[in-house]
Structures are given as C-alpha cells and as structure tokens.
C-alpha atoms as a PDB file:
ATOM      1  CA  UNK A   1     -60.949 -14.126  -5.419  1.00  0.00           C
ATOM      2  CA  UNK A   2     -60.037 -15.832  -1.817  1.00  0.00           C
ATOM      3  CA  UNK A   3     -58.905 -19.002  -4.056  1.00  0.00           C
ATOM      4  CA  UNK A   4     -57.179 -17.227  -7.272  1.00  0.00           C
ATOM      5  CA  UNK A   5     -54.075 -18.458  -8.406  1.00  0.00           C
ATOM      6  CA  UNK A   6     -54.447 -22.082  -5.680  1.00  0.00           C
ATOM      7  CA  UNK A   7     -54.617 -25.523  -6.605  1.00  0.00           C
ATOM      8  CA  UNK A   8     -56.593 -27.479  -4.932  1.00  0.00           C
ATOM      9  CA  UNK A   9     -56.510 -31.152  -4.424  1.00  0.00           C
ATOM     10  CA  UNK A  10     -59.962 -33.721  -4.534  1.00  0.00           C
ATOM     11  CA  UNK A  11     -60.337 -37.231  -4.585  1.00  0.00           C
ATOM     12  CA  UNK A  12     -63.673 -37.999  -6.679  1.00  0.00           C
ATOM     13  CA  UNK A  13     -64.879 -41.541  -6.016  1.00  0.00           C
ATOM     14  CA  UNK A  14     -67.360 -42.551  -8.225  1.00  0.00           C
ATOM     15  CA  UNK A  15     -68.888 -46.208  -6.773  1.00  0.00           C
ATOM     16  CA  UNK A  16     -70.501 -49.063  -8.852  1.00  0.00           C
ATOM     17  CA  UNK A  17     -74.150 -47.485  -8.453  1.00  0.00           C
ATOM     18  CA  UNK A  18     -72.736 -44.608 -10.451  1.00  0.00           C
ATOM     19  CA  UNK A  19     -74.146 -42.370 -12.566  1.00  0.00           C
ATOM     20  CA  UNK A  20     -77.571 -43.418 -11.170  1.00  0.00           C
ATOM     21  CA  UNK A  21     -75.317 -42.597  -7.474  1.00  0.00           C
ATOM     22  CA  UNK A  22     -73.548 -39.231  -7.102  1.00  0.00           C
ATOM     23  CA  UNK A  23     -69.468 -39.448  -6.127  1.00  0.00           C
ATOM     24  CA  UNK A  24     -68.054 -38.682  -3.276  1.00  0.00           C
ATOM     25  CA  UNK A  25     -65.722 -35.843  -3.271  1.00  0.00           C
ATOM     26  CA  UNK A  26     -63.441 -35.132  -0.229  1.00  0.00           C
ATOM     27  CA  UNK A  27     -61.213 -32.164  -0.657  1.00  0.00           C
ATOM     28  CA  UNK A  28     -57.162 -33.336   0.011  1.00  0.00           C
ATOM     29  CA  UNK A  29     -56.393 -29.278   0.526  1.00  0.00           C
ATOM     30  CA  UNK A  30     -57.979 -27.353   3.298  1.00  0.00           C
ATOM     31  CA  UNK A  31     -60.649 -25.319   2.230  1.00  0.00           C
ATOM     32  CA  UNK A  32     -63.516 -22.872   3.721  1.00  0.00           C
ATOM     33  CA  UNK A  33     -66.107 -23.670   1.717  1.00  0.00           C
ATOM     34  CA  UNK A  34     -70.126 -23.817   3.544  1.00  0.00           C
ATOM     35  CA  UNK A  35     -70.221 -27.361   1.822  1.00  0.00           C
ATOM     36  CA  UNK A  36     -67.526 -28.935   2.827  1.00  0.00           C
ATOM     37  CA  UNK A  37     -66.794 -30.598   6.253  1.00  0.00           C
ATOM     38  CA  UNK A  38     -64.247 -28.771   8.068  1.00  0.00           C
ATOM     39  CA  UNK A  39     -63.071 -32.203   9.832  1.00  0.00           C
ATOM     40  CA  UNK A  40     -63.194 -34.585   6.888  1.00  0.00           C
ATOM     41  CA  UNK A  41     -62.889 -32.681   4.155  1.00  0.00           C
ATOM     42  CA  UNK A  42     -66.569 -34.177   2.454  1.00  0.00           C
ATOM     43  CA  UNK A  43     -67.888 -32.069   0.567  1.00  0.00           C
ATOM     44  CA  UNK A  44     -71.563 -33.052   2.062  1.00  0.00           C
ATOM     45  CA  UNK A  45     -74.286 -33.963  -0.092  1.00  0.00           C
ATOM     46  CA  UNK A  46     -76.873 -32.215   1.714  1.00  0.00           C
ATOM     47  CA  UNK A  47     -75.112 -28.857   1.450  1.00  0.00           C
ATOM     48  CA  UNK A  48     -74.384 -29.217  -2.524  1.00  0.00           C
ATOM     49  CA  UNK A  49     -77.214 -29.337  -4.578  1.00  0.00           C
ATOM     50  CA  UNK A  50     -75.187 -30.893  -7.361  1.00  0.00           C
ATOM     51  CA  UNK A  51     -74.805 -34.005  -5.024  1.00  0.00           C
ATOM     52  CA  UNK A  52     -78.492 -33.660  -3.111  1.00  0.00           C
ATOM     53  CA  UNK A  53     -80.560 -33.742  -6.304  1.00  0.00           C
ATOM     54  CA  UNK A  54     -78.293 -36.168  -8.291  1.00  0.00           C
ATOM     55  CA  UNK A  55     -79.669 -37.016 -11.876  1.00  0.00           C
ATOM     56  CA  UNK A  56     -78.200 -39.785 -14.215  1.00  0.00           C
ATOM     57  CA  UNK A  57     -76.960 -37.397 -16.725  1.00  0.00           C
ATOM     58  CA  UNK A  58     -74.370 -35.917 -14.584  1.00  0.00           C
ATOM     59  CA  UNK A  59     -71.174 -35.953 -14.862  1.00  0.00           C
ATOM     60  CA  UNK A  60     -68.313 -35.305 -12.918  1.00  0.00           C
ATOM     61  CA  UNK A  61     -68.092 -31.967 -15.240  1.00  0.00           C
ATOM     62  CA  UNK A  62     -71.026 -30.933 -13.799  1.00  0.00           C
ATOM     63  CA  UNK A  63     -69.680 -31.789 -10.223  1.00  0.00           C
ATOM     64  CA  UNK A  64     -66.624 -29.593 -11.051  1.00  0.00           C
ATOM     65  CA  UNK A  65     -68.309 -26.847 -12.609  1.00  0.00           C
ATOM     66  CA  UNK A  66     -70.340 -26.165  -9.596  1.00  0.00           C
ATOM     67  CA  UNK A  67     -67.508 -26.902  -6.931  1.00  0.00           C
ATOM     68  CA  UNK A  68     -66.399 -23.864  -8.820  1.00  0.00           C
ATOM     69  CA  UNK A  69     -68.991 -21.689  -8.851  1.00  0.00           C
ATOM     70  CA  UNK A  70     -69.606 -22.368  -5.029  1.00  0.00           C
ATOM     71  CA  UNK A  71     -65.760 -20.777  -4.788  1.00  0.00           C
ATOM     72  CA  UNK A  72     -67.232 -18.071  -6.531  1.00  0.00           C
ATOM     73  CA  UNK A  73     -69.899 -17.192  -5.248  1.00  0.00           C
ATOM     74  CA  UNK A  74     -70.636 -13.368  -4.362  1.00  0.00           C
ATOM     75  CA  UNK A  75     -70.463 -13.791  -0.059  1.00  0.00           C
ATOM     76  CA  UNK A  76     -68.255 -16.935   0.181  1.00  0.00           C
ATOM     77  CA  UNK A  77     -65.400 -14.681   1.027  1.00  0.00           C
ATOM     78  CA  UNK A  78     -64.580 -16.913   3.959  1.00  0.00           C
ATOM     79  CA  UNK A  79     -61.448 -16.936   5.228  1.00  0.00           C
ATOM     80  CA  UNK A  80     -59.730 -19.555   4.025  1.00  0.00           C
ATOM     81  CA  UNK A  81     -56.547 -21.734   5.718  1.00  0.00           C
ATOM     82  CA  UNK A  82     -52.836 -21.312   4.739  1.00  0.00           C
ATOM     83  CA  UNK A  83     -52.274 -22.436   1.084  1.00  0.00           C
ATOM     84  CA  UNK A  84     -51.437 -26.295   0.997  1.00  0.00           C
ATOM     85  CA  UNK A  85     -52.603 -27.209   4.569  1.00  0.00           C
ATOM     86  CA  UNK A  86     -54.102 -30.731   4.375  1.00  0.00           C
ATOM     87  CA  UNK A  87     -56.623 -32.471   5.907  1.00  0.00           C
END
C-alpha cells in the first residue's frame, strides 16, 4: 500500500450536536483520496459514506476504521504527495 508506514495527522471536531450529527474531519497531512478536498484537506461528507449516511450509534472509531478502509481499497493506488507535506 502507498500508505504503509506513513503517519497522517487528522483533526476531528465533534460539534454540540454530536452524536446526532457527524464530526468534521480534516487531514492536516496531505493525502490523495477521492473523499478528501485537495485544497483544504476536508473529508467531504458527500464523498465519504460513513459521514453522508451518519447514524447516531456511529463512533469516532467507526470513522477511523472507514478512513483506513478507504486508504486500503483496491484501485486507490493514487500517486501520493511526498511524506510529511501539509495542507
């Protein structure tokens, strides 16, 4: 995997309406994924099913597991920015 042995910094913010509404997620470290805005680093809810189909019983662990799955999915072999590059 292109992501193997890399460390990514992310910022997860849970608003006052959490867990009724999903958190906002930003990658601080640059990453090339279809669900991540390449200018801001935001994980775009409409491109990331766990956020667009948010359920109250989802947890931050749910979000992190799904992000990892997205990174490992077959066909996600997109060219990645140099390690350590930040948004």
